[in-house]
């Protein structure tokens, strides 16, 4: 197989340089996912330091995730018409600078503003990370490379909370932000020399439709706020309707403008393909289950199983181990099974993991929940990598940048909505999340069963969706075979 556009059939960089390039991208993904979760455990300390309520302190995380999710697709489009290397290096500079600034903000408002800017730097890195790997590394190792990136994201995603707890306990919350600075500097220096430059053809006018970008960003932010705070906004119907109306208007105007644009942010024509649209929906559902699981299981272990935070954290590492191991092994598995087949298997494993968690409610000890955690992490690791491969395989080369950013944007939206849905169900059936620190044995442990059943329902929907995708690919392959037979006969 050949190399994707931007590379030659020969390996101009050499095998060693390609490995360093892959490691550079993987460590940047680890740094971003680590920064997304390491702050969570430090929030109570930050709230105490600034003398604010916990809800106010949550914006330290929310601002970062909103700017990251809302600008991904913009930088993805920019990567298609400009240099991925410049975007990557600029993103590292922004991310490292605002990581440093976050440690010294005198009040919460400035910290939230700085974290918002840091999220923009993270979006620049995420939007081009996959493009750099696809463009400069051999196509035949694409499955392995995606698996390594998934592994890196998994490590940062789940190691963040225990590391944040350790830093907050033995140092201070400021070091939670400073820990990313030296890593960002090292990656920036290596990337400056190791990543090749691509000369792009100059286009007339601006490469980005700025009004469309603003509409997309506003629609994304309002939609995320609406989904995240639905249980609170429902108490104020007028405000909820107002936010919904403005968000809907932003999306409608954005879509109309995109259809008339010669340089759209989103490849809306690809969504006309049922296979591509379905693969994107699978991406959304998988991200919901991923973030929802990481949100759900600590509460279940600490309140439902009455475990300490330290023991709960150790068990959550089992989830990370499964996710990392099978994300890494995807490259080897994909040589024997198609991505669609792997996605079906992963969805079945995800179903079994939630079923195991449900059974653990009625079984003593921790064996069953440990098995459920490992199965859940394994399923997420496999499904994430396989789905990324399916979506990129359905994408023309000229749209790979924006589609990769679309994948990450949908994943971010799925993470936010996953936490929102699981949080809403938790509040209704288990206890009030606003007073989670005051939860006692008076909570309804059986309510966790509702959340596990919800996970099983989504898993079944993922099985069906991936089965349809596999059938669609089989039909196309059979059609090609019939065409070849007709050509031979004639």
Protein backbone atom coordinates (compact mmCIF):
# COMPACT_ATOMS: atom_id res chain seq x y z
CA UNK A 1 0.00 0.00 0.00
CA UNK A 2 1.13 3.57 -0.61
CA UNK A 3 1.52 6.60 1.55
CA UNK A 4 -1.22 9.11 2.08
CA UNK A 5 -0.97 12.51 0.36
CA UNK A 6 1.91 14.60 1.66
CA UNK A 7 4.31 11.65 1.65
CA UNK A 8 6.19 9.77 -1.05
CA UNK A 9 6.32 6.05 -1.60
CA UNK A 10 9.84 6.16 -0.21
CA UNK A 11 10.36 6.99 3.44
CA UNK A 12 12.11 10.39 3.21
CA UNK A 13 12.39 10.78 6.96
CA UNK A 14 13.80 7.36 7.72
CA UNK A 15 12.41 4.76 10.09
CA UNK A 16 13.93 6.32 13.22
CA UNK A 17 12.62 9.79 12.38
CA UNK A 18 9.15 8.39 11.75
CA UNK A 19 9.18 6.73 15.18
CA UNK A 20 10.20 9.99 16.84
CA UNK A 21 7.45 11.80 14.93
CA UNK A 22 4.86 9.26 16.08
CA UNK A 23 6.12 9.51 19.67
CA UNK A 24 5.90 13.31 19.49
CA UNK A 25 2.25 13.20 18.43
CA UNK A 26 1.40 10.48 20.98
CA UNK A 27 2.96 12.44 23.86
CA UNK A 28 1.05 15.55 22.80
CA UNK A 29 -2.20 13.55 22.89
CA UNK A 30 -1.24 12.18 26.32
CA UNK A 31 -0.52 15.70 27.58
CA UNK A 32 -3.91 16.98 26.39
CA UNK A 33 -5.93 14.10 27.82
CA UNK A 34 -3.94 14.30 31.07
CA UNK A 35 -4.74 18.00 31.33
CA UNK A 36 -8.43 17.27 30.76
CA UNK A 37 -8.67 15.05 33.85
CA UNK A 38 -5.84 15.98 36.22
CA UNK A 39 -7.64 19.17 37.25
CA UNK A 40 -10.84 17.38 38.31
CA UNK A 41 -9.48 16.06 41.61
CA UNK A 42 -7.97 19.47 42.42
CA UNK A 43 -11.28 21.34 42.03
CA UNK A 44 -12.24 21.21 45.75
CA UNK A 45 -8.83 22.65 46.66
CA UNK A 46 -9.15 25.34 43.98
CA UNK A 47 -12.64 26.25 45.22
CA UNK A 48 -11.34 26.54 48.77
CA UNK A 49 -8.37 28.62 47.66
CA UNK A 50 -10.55 31.12 45.78
CA UNK A 51 -13.40 30.93 48.34
CA UNK A 52 -15.98 29.98 45.71
CA UNK A 53 -18.65 27.29 45.43
CA UNK A 54 -17.95 23.95 43.78
CA UNK A 55 -20.29 24.78 40.86
CA UNK A 56 -18.26 27.91 40.13
CA UNK A 57 -14.98 25.99 40.30
CA UNK A 58 -16.28 23.46 37.75
CA UNK A 59 -15.87 26.13 35.07
CA UNK A 60 -12.11 25.59 35.32
CA UNK A 61 -12.71 22.26 33.56
CA UNK A 62 -15.74 23.29 31.52
CA UNK A 63 -14.06 26.32 29.91
CA UNK A 64 -11.17 24.14 28.74
CA UNK A 65 -13.45 21.46 27.27
CA UNK A 66 -15.79 23.95 25.60
CA UNK A 67 -13.02 25.84 23.78
CA UNK A 68 -11.33 22.55 22.86
CA UNK A 69 -14.53 21.08 21.43
CA UNK A 70 -15.79 24.28 19.83
CA UNK A 71 -12.66 25.12 17.81
CA UNK A 72 -11.50 21.67 16.69
CA UNK A 73 -13.32 21.71 13.37
CA UNK A 74 -12.03 25.22 12.61
CA UNK A 75 -8.40 24.20 12.95
CA UNK A 76 -9.12 20.99 11.07
CA UNK A 77 -10.24 23.04 8.07
CA UNK A 78 -7.20 25.27 8.47
CA UNK A 79 -4.97 22.15 8.38
CA UNK A 80 -6.35 21.29 4.94
CA UNK A 81 -5.33 24.65 3.47
CA UNK A 82 -2.19 25.48 5.46
CA UNK A 83 0.77 23.83 7.20
CA UNK A 84 -0.08 21.17 9.84
CA UNK A 85 3.40 21.67 11.32
CA UNK A 86 2.81 25.38 11.94
CA UNK A 87 -0.56 24.69 13.55
CA UNK A 88 0.96 21.97 15.74
CA UNK A 89 3.89 24.12 16.92
CA UNK A 90 1.68 27.18 17.49
CA UNK A 91 -0.72 25.02 19.49
CA UNK A 92 2.14 23.75 21.66
CA UNK A 93 3.26 27.32 22.34
CA UNK A 94 -0.25 28.47 23.29
CA UNK A 95 -0.89 25.37 25.40
CA UNK A 96 2.40 25.62 27.29
CA UNK A 97 2.16 29.39 27.87
CA UNK A 98 -1.37 29.31 29.27
CA UNK A 99 -0.58 26.19 31.32
CA UNK A 100 2.11 28.27 33.02
CA UNK A 101 -0.21 31.26 33.45
CA UNK A 102 -2.94 29.09 34.98
CA UNK A 103 -0.81 28.45 38.05
CA UNK A 104 -0.57 32.14 38.98
CA UNK A 105 -4.04 33.61 38.39
CA UNK A 106 -5.22 35.72 41.37
CA UNK A 107 -8.94 34.92 40.99
CA UNK A 108 -11.27 32.33 39.50
CA UNK A 109 -12.50 34.54 36.66
CA UNK A 110 -8.99 35.01 35.25
CA UNK A 111 -8.21 31.31 35.71
CA UNK A 112 -11.32 30.37 33.70
CA UNK A 113 -10.34 32.83 30.95
CA UNK A 114 -6.79 31.44 30.80
CA UNK A 115 -8.09 27.85 30.72
CA UNK A 116 -10.35 28.80 27.82
CA UNK A 117 -7.29 30.02 25.90
CA UNK A 118 -5.41 26.85 26.84
CA UNK A 119 -8.24 24.80 25.35
CA UNK A 120 -7.74 26.59 22.02
CA UNK A 121 -4.10 25.49 22.02
CA UNK A 122 -5.20 21.94 22.79
CA UNK A 123 -7.66 22.07 19.88
CA UNK A 124 -4.85 23.03 17.51
CA UNK A 125 -2.83 19.99 18.61
CA UNK A 126 -5.70 17.53 18.44
CA UNK A 127 -6.91 18.78 15.05
CA UNK A 128 -3.61 18.05 13.30
CA UNK A 129 -2.20 15.16 15.35
CA UNK A 130 -3.91 12.50 13.27
CA UNK A 131 -3.16 14.39 10.06
CA UNK A 132 0.57 14.42 10.78
CA UNK A 133 0.55 10.67 11.46
CA UNK A 134 -1.51 9.87 8.35
CA UNK A 135 0.43 12.20 6.06
CA UNK A 136 4.01 11.39 7.01
CA UNK A 137 3.90 7.75 8.13
CA UNK A 138 3.37 4.62 5.98
CA UNK A 139 -0.25 3.74 5.22
CA UNK A 140 0.34 0.07 6.05
CA UNK A 141 1.02 0.99 9.69
CA UNK A 142 -2.08 3.20 10.02
CA UNK A 143 -3.90 0.73 12.29
CA UNK A 144 -0.94 0.39 14.62
CA UNK A 145 -0.40 4.16 14.73
CA UNK A 146 -4.04 4.85 15.58
CA UNK A 147 -3.80 2.20 18.29
CA UNK A 148 -0.75 3.88 19.82
CA UNK A 149 -2.51 7.26 19.79
CA UNK A 150 -5.54 5.69 21.51
CA UNK A 151 -3.23 4.12 24.07
CA UNK A 152 -1.58 7.49 24.78
CA UNK A 153 -4.95 9.21 25.18
CA UNK A 154 -6.13 6.42 27.51
CA UNK A 155 -3.06 6.70 29.72
CA UNK A 156 -3.44 10.46 30.17
CA UNK A 157 -7.21 10.27 30.49
CA UNK A 158 -7.27 7.93 33.49
CA UNK A 159 -3.88 8.58 35.10
CA UNK A 160 -4.89 12.24 35.45
CA UNK A 161 -7.24 11.91 38.46
CA UNK A 162 -4.90 9.94 40.77
CA UNK A 163 -1.95 12.12 39.75
CA UNK A 164 -4.00 15.25 40.40
CA UNK A 165 -4.97 13.91 43.81
CA UNK A 166 -1.35 13.17 44.68
CA UNK A 167 -0.17 16.64 43.60
CA UNK A 168 -3.00 18.40 45.45
CA UNK A 169 -2.32 16.40 48.62
CA UNK A 170 1.46 16.71 48.80
CA UNK A 171 2.25 19.90 46.84
CA UNK A 172 -0.37 22.50 45.82
CA UNK A 173 -3.04 22.78 43.14
CA UNK A 174 -0.82 25.19 41.17
CA UNK A 175 1.48 22.31 40.23
CA UNK A 176 -1.42 20.58 38.50
CA UNK A 177 -1.02 23.15 35.72
CA UNK A 178 2.76 23.53 35.86
CA UNK A 179 3.37 19.82 35.26
CA UNK A 180 2.42 20.25 31.58
CA UNK A 181 4.86 23.11 30.90
CA UNK A 182 8.17 21.20 30.59
CA UNK A 183 6.48 18.48 28.53
CA UNK A 184 5.05 21.09 26.14
CA UNK A 185 8.48 22.74 25.74
CA UNK A 186 10.22 19.43 25.00
CA UNK A 187 7.58 18.38 22.45
CA UNK A 188 7.77 21.81 20.79
CA UNK A 189 11.56 21.62 20.37
CA UNK A 190 11.42 18.10 18.93
CA UNK A 191 8.47 18.88 16.63
CA UNK A 192 10.29 21.92 15.21
CA UNK A 193 13.00 19.66 13.78
CA UNK A 194 11.26 16.33 13.21
CA UNK A 195 7.97 17.22 11.45
CA UNK A 196 8.34 18.06 7.73
CA UNK A 197 6.97 21.28 6.29
CA UNK A 198 4.34 21.21 3.54
CA UNK A 199 4.11 24.00 1.01
CA UNK A 200 0.48 24.79 0.34
CA UNK A 201 -0.85 26.47 -2.75
CA UNK A 202 -2.05 29.97 -2.02
CA UNK A 203 -5.80 30.45 -2.21
CA UNK A 204 -7.65 33.65 -2.95
CA UNK A 205 -9.04 35.36 0.11
CA UNK A 206 -9.13 33.94 3.60
CA UNK A 207 -8.84 30.14 3.91
CA UNK A 208 -11.44 30.16 6.68
CA UNK A 209 -14.99 31.49 6.55
CA UNK A 210 -14.84 33.59 9.73
CA UNK A 211 -18.62 34.23 10.04
CA UNK A 212 -19.27 30.49 9.64
CA UNK A 213 -16.58 29.79 12.24
CA UNK A 214 -18.27 32.16 14.68
CA UNK A 215 -21.68 30.59 14.05
CA UNK A 216 -20.29 27.10 14.53
CA UNK A 217 -18.50 28.05 17.74
CA UNK A 218 -21.56 29.81 19.17
CA UNK A 219 -23.86 26.94 18.24
CA UNK A 220 -21.48 24.41 19.77
CA UNK A 221 -21.05 26.33 23.04
CA UNK A 222 -24.78 26.94 23.47
CA UNK A 223 -25.63 23.33 22.63
CA UNK A 224 -23.10 22.00 25.14
CA UNK A 225 -24.35 24.35 27.85
CA UNK A 226 -27.94 23.33 27.09
CA UNK A 227 -27.16 19.62 27.28
CA UNK A 228 -24.90 19.90 30.31
CA UNK A 229 -27.32 21.95 32.40
CA UNK A 230 -30.66 20.63 31.18
CA UNK A 231 -31.65 19.50 34.68
CA UNK A 232 -31.05 23.04 36.02
CA UNK A 233 -32.38 25.01 33.05
CA UNK A 234 -35.68 23.15 33.16
CA UNK A 235 -36.42 25.12 36.33
CA UNK A 236 -36.20 28.30 34.24
CA UNK A 237 -38.20 27.51 31.05
CA UNK A 238 -37.82 30.99 29.53
CA UNK A 239 -34.03 30.89 29.74
CA UNK A 240 -33.99 27.34 28.40
CA UNK A 241 -36.17 28.26 25.40
CA UNK A 242 -34.05 31.36 24.73
CA UNK A 243 -30.79 29.36 24.68
CA UNK A 244 -32.41 26.68 22.51
CA UNK A 245 -33.72 29.26 20.02
CA UNK A 246 -30.36 31.05 19.69
CA UNK A 247 -28.50 27.74 19.32
CA UNK A 248 -30.95 26.53 16.66
CA UNK A 249 -30.65 29.82 14.77
CA UNK A 250 -26.85 29.56 14.80
CA UNK A 251 -26.95 26.01 13.41
CA UNK A 252 -29.52 26.81 10.69
CA UNK A 253 -27.62 29.87 9.46
CA UNK A 254 -24.33 27.96 9.65
CA UNK A 255 -25.64 25.04 7.55
CA UNK A 256 -27.13 27.36 4.92
CA UNK A 257 -23.89 29.31 4.69
CA UNK A 258 -21.82 26.11 4.44
CA UNK A 259 -23.89 24.80 1.54
CA UNK A 260 -23.15 27.97 -0.44
CA UNK A 261 -19.47 28.13 0.50
CA UNK A 262 -16.62 27.12 -1.82
CA UNK A 263 -14.43 26.44 1.23
CA UNK A 264 -16.73 24.92 3.90
CA UNK A 265 -15.64 24.09 7.43
CA UNK A 266 -17.61 20.85 7.42
CA UNK A 267 -17.77 18.32 4.58
CA UNK A 268 -21.58 18.22 4.68
CA UNK A 269 -21.67 16.32 1.39
CA UNK A 270 -20.07 13.34 3.16
CA UNK A 271 -22.97 13.22 5.62
CA UNK A 272 -25.16 12.39 2.62
CA UNK A 273 -23.54 8.96 2.71
CA UNK A 274 -25.47 6.76 5.12
CA UNK A 275 -22.30 4.84 5.98
CA UNK A 276 -20.32 7.95 6.90
CA UNK A 277 -23.18 9.46 8.91
CA UNK A 278 -23.72 6.18 10.78
CA UNK A 279 -20.00 5.89 11.56
CA UNK A 280 -20.09 9.42 13.02
CA UNK A 281 -23.08 8.45 15.20
CA UNK A 282 -21.13 5.42 16.45
CA UNK A 283 -18.29 7.79 17.33
CA UNK A 284 -20.74 9.92 19.35
CA UNK A 285 -22.22 6.92 21.20
CA UNK A 286 -18.81 5.46 21.97
CA UNK A 287 -17.56 8.77 23.40
CA UNK A 288 -20.68 9.00 25.57
CA UNK A 289 -20.03 5.55 27.02
CA UNK A 290 -16.35 6.33 27.54
CA UNK A 291 -16.82 9.59 29.46
CA UNK A 292 -19.98 8.32 31.15
CA UNK A 293 -18.12 5.28 32.47
CA UNK A 294 -15.25 7.35 33.86
CA UNK A 295 -17.84 9.58 35.54
CA UNK A 296 -20.03 6.75 36.82
CA UNK A 297 -17.67 4.12 38.19
CA UNK A 298 -15.91 6.24 40.86
CA UNK A 299 -19.29 7.18 42.34
CA UNK A 300 -20.45 3.57 42.19
CA UNK A 301 -17.31 2.25 43.87
CA UNK A 302 -17.21 4.90 46.61
CA UNK A 303 -20.93 5.15 47.41
CA UNK A 304 -22.39 1.90 46.10
CA UNK A 305 -19.51 -0.36 47.17
CA UNK A 306 -18.38 1.88 50.07
CA UNK A 307 -14.72 1.88 48.99
CA UNK A 308 -12.12 4.53 49.76
CA UNK A 309 -11.12 7.03 47.09
CA UNK A 310 -7.65 5.44 46.90
CA UNK A 311 -9.06 1.92 46.35
CA UNK A 312 -11.54 3.28 43.83
CA UNK A 313 -8.71 4.99 41.94
CA UNK A 314 -6.72 1.77 41.76
CA UNK A 315 -9.72 -0.10 40.35
CA UNK A 316 -10.30 2.61 37.74
CA UNK A 317 -6.76 1.93 36.52
CA UNK A 318 -8.07 -1.50 35.41
CA UNK A 319 -10.38 0.34 33.01
CA UNK A 320 -7.40 2.30 31.69
CA UNK A 321 -5.32 -0.88 31.35
CA UNK A 322 -7.98 -2.55 29.20
CA UNK A 323 -8.40 0.56 27.08
CA UNK A 324 -4.67 1.01 26.54
CA UNK A 325 -3.81 -2.64 25.91
CA UNK A 326 -6.53 -3.30 23.34
CA UNK A 327 -6.09 0.10 21.71
CA UNK A 328 -2.45 -0.90 21.20
CA UNK A 329 -3.32 -4.41 19.99
CA UNK A 330 -5.77 -3.08 17.39
CA UNK A 331 -3.00 -2.97 14.79
CA UNK A 332 -2.41 -6.72 15.08
CA UNK A 333 -6.10 -7.60 15.33
CA UNK A 334 -6.94 -5.47 12.27
CA UNK A 335 -4.66 -7.63 10.13
CA UNK A 336 -7.06 -10.55 10.69
CA UNK A 337 -10.42 -8.80 11.04
CA UNK A 338 -11.95 -5.78 9.34
CA UNK A 339 -12.55 -2.59 11.32
CA UNK A 340 -16.31 -3.17 11.01
CA UNK A 341 -16.03 -6.68 12.48
CA UNK A 342 -13.83 -5.41 15.31
CA UNK A 343 -16.41 -2.69 16.05
CA UNK A 344 -19.16 -5.29 16.38
CA UNK A 345 -17.04 -7.41 18.72
CA UNK A 346 -16.11 -4.34 20.79
CA UNK A 347 -19.77 -3.31 21.10
CA UNK A 348 -20.68 -6.80 22.34
CA UNK A 349 -17.86 -6.63 24.90
CA UNK A 350 -19.17 -3.21 26.01
CA UNK A 351 -22.61 -4.74 26.51
CA UNK A 352 -21.09 -7.53 28.61
CA UNK A 353 -19.18 -4.99 30.70
CA UNK A 354 -22.34 -3.12 31.73
CA UNK A 355 -24.08 -6.45 32.35
CA UNK A 356 -21.16 -7.47 34.58
CA UNK A 357 -21.41 -4.18 36.47
CA UNK A 358 -25.12 -4.83 37.00
CA UNK A 359 -24.37 -8.32 38.34
CA UNK A 360 -21.69 -6.89 40.66
CA UNK A 361 -24.44 -5.08 42.56
CA UNK A 362 -25.64 -8.45 43.84
CA UNK A 363 -22.29 -10.22 44.26
CA UNK A 364 -19.88 -9.80 47.19
CA UNK A 365 -16.28 -8.82 46.67
CA UNK A 366 -14.68 -6.88 43.85
CA UNK A 367 -13.96 -9.60 41.29
CA UNK A 368 -17.05 -9.01 39.14
CA UNK A 369 -16.70 -5.23 39.04
CA UNK A 370 -12.98 -5.61 38.23
CA UNK A 371 -13.89 -7.85 35.28
CA UNK A 372 -16.55 -5.35 34.17
CA UNK A 373 -14.04 -2.49 34.30
CA UNK A 374 -11.47 -4.39 32.24
CA UNK A 375 -14.09 -5.40 29.66
CA UNK A 376 -15.38 -1.84 29.46
CA UNK A 377 -11.94 -0.34 28.93
CA UNK A 378 -11.05 -3.02 26.37
CA UNK A 379 -14.25 -2.36 24.43
CA UNK A 380 -13.72 1.42 24.39
CA UNK A 381 -10.09 1.02 23.28
CA UNK A 382 -11.03 -1.28 20.39
CA UNK A 383 -14.14 0.61 19.31
CA UNK A 384 -12.47 4.04 19.37
CA UNK A 385 -9.59 2.95 17.15
CA UNK A 386 -11.72 0.85 14.80
CA UNK A 387 -14.28 3.63 14.38
CA UNK A 388 -11.56 6.19 13.63
CA UNK A 389 -10.27 3.84 10.94
CA UNK A 390 -13.75 3.37 9.46
CA UNK A 391 -14.45 7.11 9.27
CA UNK A 392 -11.07 8.04 7.76
CA UNK A 393 -11.37 5.19 5.23
CA UNK A 394 -14.63 6.74 3.99
CA UNK A 395 -12.98 10.15 3.60
CA UNK A 396 -11.35 11.55 0.42
CA UNK A 397 -7.72 12.68 0.92
CA UNK A 398 -8.49 16.38 0.47
CA UNK A 399 -10.94 16.31 3.41
CA UNK A 400 -8.90 14.26 5.88
CA UNK A 401 -7.93 17.26 8.00
CA UNK A 402 -11.46 18.50 8.59
CA UNK A 403 -12.85 14.97 9.03
CA UNK A 404 -10.23 14.10 11.65
CA UNK A 405 -11.22 17.27 13.50
CA UNK A 406 -14.86 16.28 13.06
CA UNK A 407 -14.08 12.95 14.75
CA UNK A 408 -12.44 14.72 17.69
CA UNK A 409 -15.24 17.30 17.84
CA UNK A 410 -17.91 14.60 17.94
CA UNK A 411 -15.86 12.75 20.57
CA UNK A 412 -15.71 15.91 22.67
CA UNK A 413 -19.43 16.51 22.27
CA UNK A 414 -20.06 12.86 23.15
CA UNK A 415 -17.96 13.20 26.29
CA UNK A 416 -19.88 16.26 27.46
CA UNK A 417 -23.30 14.81 26.67
CA UNK A 418 -22.30 11.44 28.15
CA UNK A 419 -21.41 13.02 31.47
CA UNK A 420 -24.57 15.15 31.31
CA UNK A 421 -26.86 12.15 30.72
CA UNK A 422 -25.19 9.94 33.32
CA UNK A 423 -25.17 12.85 35.76
CA UNK A 424 -28.87 13.49 35.19
CA UNK A 425 -29.74 9.82 35.70
CA UNK A 426 -27.51 9.73 38.78
CA UNK A 427 -29.29 12.76 40.23
CA UNK A 428 -32.73 11.25 39.60
CA UNK A 429 -32.18 7.63 40.63
CA UNK A 430 -29.21 7.68 43.03
CA UNK A 431 -28.75 11.03 44.74
CA UNK A 432 -28.34 14.77 44.27
CA UNK A 433 -25.03 15.43 42.49
CA UNK A 434 -24.98 18.92 43.95
CA UNK A 435 -24.43 17.40 47.39
CA UNK A 436 -22.35 14.42 46.38
CA UNK A 437 -19.87 15.04 49.21
CA UNK A 438 -22.75 14.62 51.66
CA UNK A 439 -23.97 11.30 50.25
CA UNK A 440 -24.50 8.72 52.98
CA UNK A 441 -26.01 5.28 53.22
CA UNK A 442 -29.40 6.96 52.66
CA UNK A 443 -28.81 7.03 48.91
CA UNK A 444 -30.50 4.48 46.69
CA UNK A 445 -27.73 2.07 45.61
CA UNK A 446 -30.21 0.26 43.36
CA UNK A 447 -30.37 3.41 41.25
CA UNK A 448 -26.99 2.50 39.84
CA UNK A 449 -28.75 -0.38 38.10
CA UNK A 450 -30.66 2.13 35.97
CA UNK A 451 -27.39 3.66 34.78
CA UNK A 452 -25.94 0.24 33.94
CA UNK A 453 -29.11 -0.69 32.02
CA UNK A 454 -28.85 2.59 30.10
CA UNK A 455 -25.29 1.64 29.17
CA UNK A 456 -26.53 -1.76 27.97
CA UNK A 457 -29.20 -0.11 25.79
CA UNK A 458 -26.66 2.19 24.12
CA UNK A 459 -24.33 -0.82 23.63
CA UNK A 460 -27.10 -2.70 21.82
CA UNK A 461 -27.67 0.32 19.55
CA UNK A 462 -23.94 0.38 18.81
CA UNK A 463 -24.03 -3.33 17.91
CA UNK A 464 -26.88 -2.70 15.46
CA UNK A 465 -25.17 0.34 13.91
CA UNK A 466 -21.85 -1.48 13.45
CA UNK A 467 -23.65 -4.51 12.01
CA UNK A 468 -25.24 -2.24 9.39
CA UNK A 469 -21.82 -0.74 8.57
CA UNK A 470 -20.33 -4.22 8.18
CA UNK A 471 -23.21 -5.25 5.90
CA UNK A 472 -22.75 -2.14 3.78
CA UNK A 473 -19.05 -2.89 3.30
CA UNK A 474 -19.83 -6.53 2.42
CA UNK A 475 -22.35 -5.44 -0.21
CA UNK A 476 -19.81 -3.06 -1.78
CA UNK A 477 -17.14 -5.76 -1.87
CA UNK A 478 -19.57 -8.22 -3.47
CA UNK A 479 -20.49 -5.60 -6.04
CA UNK A 480 -16.82 -5.12 -6.91
CA UNK A 481 -16.33 -8.87 -7.23
CA UNK A 482 -19.31 -9.17 -9.58
CA UNK A 483 -17.92 -6.33 -11.69
CA UNK A 484 -14.53 -8.07 -11.91
CA UNK A 485 -16.20 -11.34 -12.95
CA UNK A 486 -18.14 -9.57 -15.71
CA UNK A 487 -14.94 -7.93 -16.99
CA UNK A 488 -13.18 -11.31 -17.08
CA UNK A 489 -16.08 -12.97 -18.92
CA UNK A 490 -16.12 -10.27 -21.56
